Protein backbone atom coordinates (compact mmCIF):
# COMPACT_ATOMS: atom_id res chain seq x y z
CA MET A 1 109.10 103.08 98.18
CA LYS A 2 110.81 99.79 99.05
CA ARG A 3 110.65 98.08 103.04
CA LEU A 4 113.34 95.56 104.70
CA THR A 5 114.45 94.85 107.70
CA ILE A 6 117.60 95.09 109.07
CA THR A 7 118.19 91.31 108.59
CA ASP A 8 117.24 91.71 105.12
CA LEU A 9 120.11 93.79 104.65
CA LYS A 10 122.90 92.17 102.18
CA HIS A 11 126.06 94.59 102.19
CA SER A 12 128.95 94.90 100.20
CA ASP A 13 132.81 95.59 101.70
CA SER A 14 131.65 98.85 101.23
CA ARG A 15 128.04 99.51 101.06
CA LEU A 16 125.13 98.79 102.54
CA MET A 17 122.40 97.99 99.94
CA PRO A 18 124.15 97.81 97.06
CA ALA A 19 121.69 95.65 95.54
CA LEU A 20 119.24 98.48 95.58
CA LEU A 21 121.35 101.43 95.59
CA GLY A 22 124.51 100.29 93.77
CA GLY A 23 127.59 101.91 94.37
CA ARG A 24 125.65 105.17 95.45
CA LYS A 25 127.63 106.99 98.13
CA ILE A 26 126.01 108.38 100.99
CA THR A 27 125.96 112.56 100.58
CA GLY A 28 124.43 113.36 104.30
CA GLY A 29 122.08 112.23 106.85
CA GLY A 30 121.93 111.86 110.58
CA VAL A 31 120.11 110.88 113.23
CA TYR A 32 116.70 111.92 114.76
CA VAL A 33 114.94 111.70 117.79
CA PHE A 34 111.13 112.40 117.67
CA LYS A 35 109.27 113.86 120.60
CA PRO A 36 105.81 111.84 121.05
CA GLY A 37 103.56 112.66 118.08
CA GLU A 38 105.82 114.62 116.36
CA THR A 39 105.87 114.62 112.37
CA ALA A 40 108.90 115.78 109.91
CA HIS A 41 108.07 117.69 107.31
CA PRO A 42 104.83 118.84 108.13
CA GLU A 43 104.90 121.04 104.79
CA PRO A 44 102.33 119.78 102.40
CA ARG A 45 105.04 117.64 99.91
CA HIS A 46 108.29 116.77 100.80
CA ALA A 47 110.70 114.96 98.43
CA HIS A 48 114.28 114.85 97.22
CA ASP A 49 115.57 114.38 93.73
CA VAL A 50 117.91 111.36 95.19
CA HIS A 51 117.08 108.53 97.48
CA GLU A 52 116.84 108.86 101.04
CA VAL A 53 116.94 105.65 103.46
CA PHE A 54 115.62 105.01 106.86
CA ILE A 55 116.87 102.84 109.60
CA PHE A 56 114.66 102.75 112.38
CA VAL A 57 116.31 102.22 115.23
CA GLN A 58 113.41 102.73 118.33
CA GLY A 59 110.09 103.13 118.79
CA ARG A 60 107.02 102.41 116.58
CA GLY A 61 105.07 105.48 113.82
CA VAL A 62 104.10 105.72 110.19
CA ILE A 63 105.92 107.01 107.43
CA PRO A 64 103.37 108.42 104.82
CA ILE A 65 104.62 108.02 101.29
CA ASP A 66 102.74 109.75 98.40
CA GLY A 67 99.73 109.59 100.48
CA THR A 68 100.15 105.68 101.85
CA ASP A 69 100.46 105.36 105.49
CA HIS A 70 103.03 102.47 106.15
CA PRO A 71 103.55 101.38 109.61
CA VAL A 72 107.27 101.08 110.94
CA LYS A 73 108.64 100.04 113.84
CA THR A 74 112.15 99.56 115.60
CA GLY A 75 114.18 97.23 112.50
CA ASP A 76 112.67 98.73 109.60
CA VAL A 77 114.36 100.18 106.98
CA ILE A 78 112.53 102.11 104.26
CA LEU A 79 114.07 103.20 100.68
CA VAL A 80 112.42 106.33 99.87
CA GLU A 81 112.70 107.02 96.08
CA ALA A 82 113.78 110.25 94.44
CA GLY A 83 110.53 112.05 94.18
CA GLU A 84 108.27 110.33 96.56
CA ASP A 85 106.70 112.88 98.87
CA HIS A 86 107.18 111.56 102.24
CA HIS A 87 106.68 112.34 106.07
CA THR A 88 107.73 110.56 109.15
CA ARG A 89 105.30 110.30 112.23
CA SER A 90 106.15 109.13 115.39
CA SER A 91 103.84 107.86 117.93
CA ASP A 92 102.39 109.27 121.17
CA ASP A 93 103.47 106.49 123.53
CA ASP A 94 106.58 104.77 121.89
CA PRO A 95 108.62 107.36 119.98
CA LEU A 96 111.07 107.00 117.06
CA VAL A 97 114.97 107.00 116.46
CA ALA A 98 115.61 107.07 113.07
CA ALA A 99 118.82 107.49 111.16
CA TRP A 100 118.56 108.74 107.91
CA TYR A 101 120.92 108.83 104.85
CA LEU A 102 120.73 111.11 101.51
CA MET A 103 122.28 109.20 98.74
CA GLU A 104 124.24 110.62 95.59
CA LYS A 105 122.38 110.67 92.28
């Protein structure tokens, strides 16, 4: 896991985080609006064989990664590395909105 904020992002002309992701392209993603207290992927283990990037655009919550809770809030950018078990839990009083992207291998 790597933690950044929006202001830390160093982009090239065609990639958002080339220092961390090289020339990898986005292969999928979207925007998710959480319900208060909602947990994404409530199954016991959730991991990908590629990196996933979260950009939190509203709210507060926690992203547990490999069993360790990492608080998140508006402006945080989290890079979940391939193979890391991760889930996202929104706060009850200030629900999260997250943009997420899966990267090519």
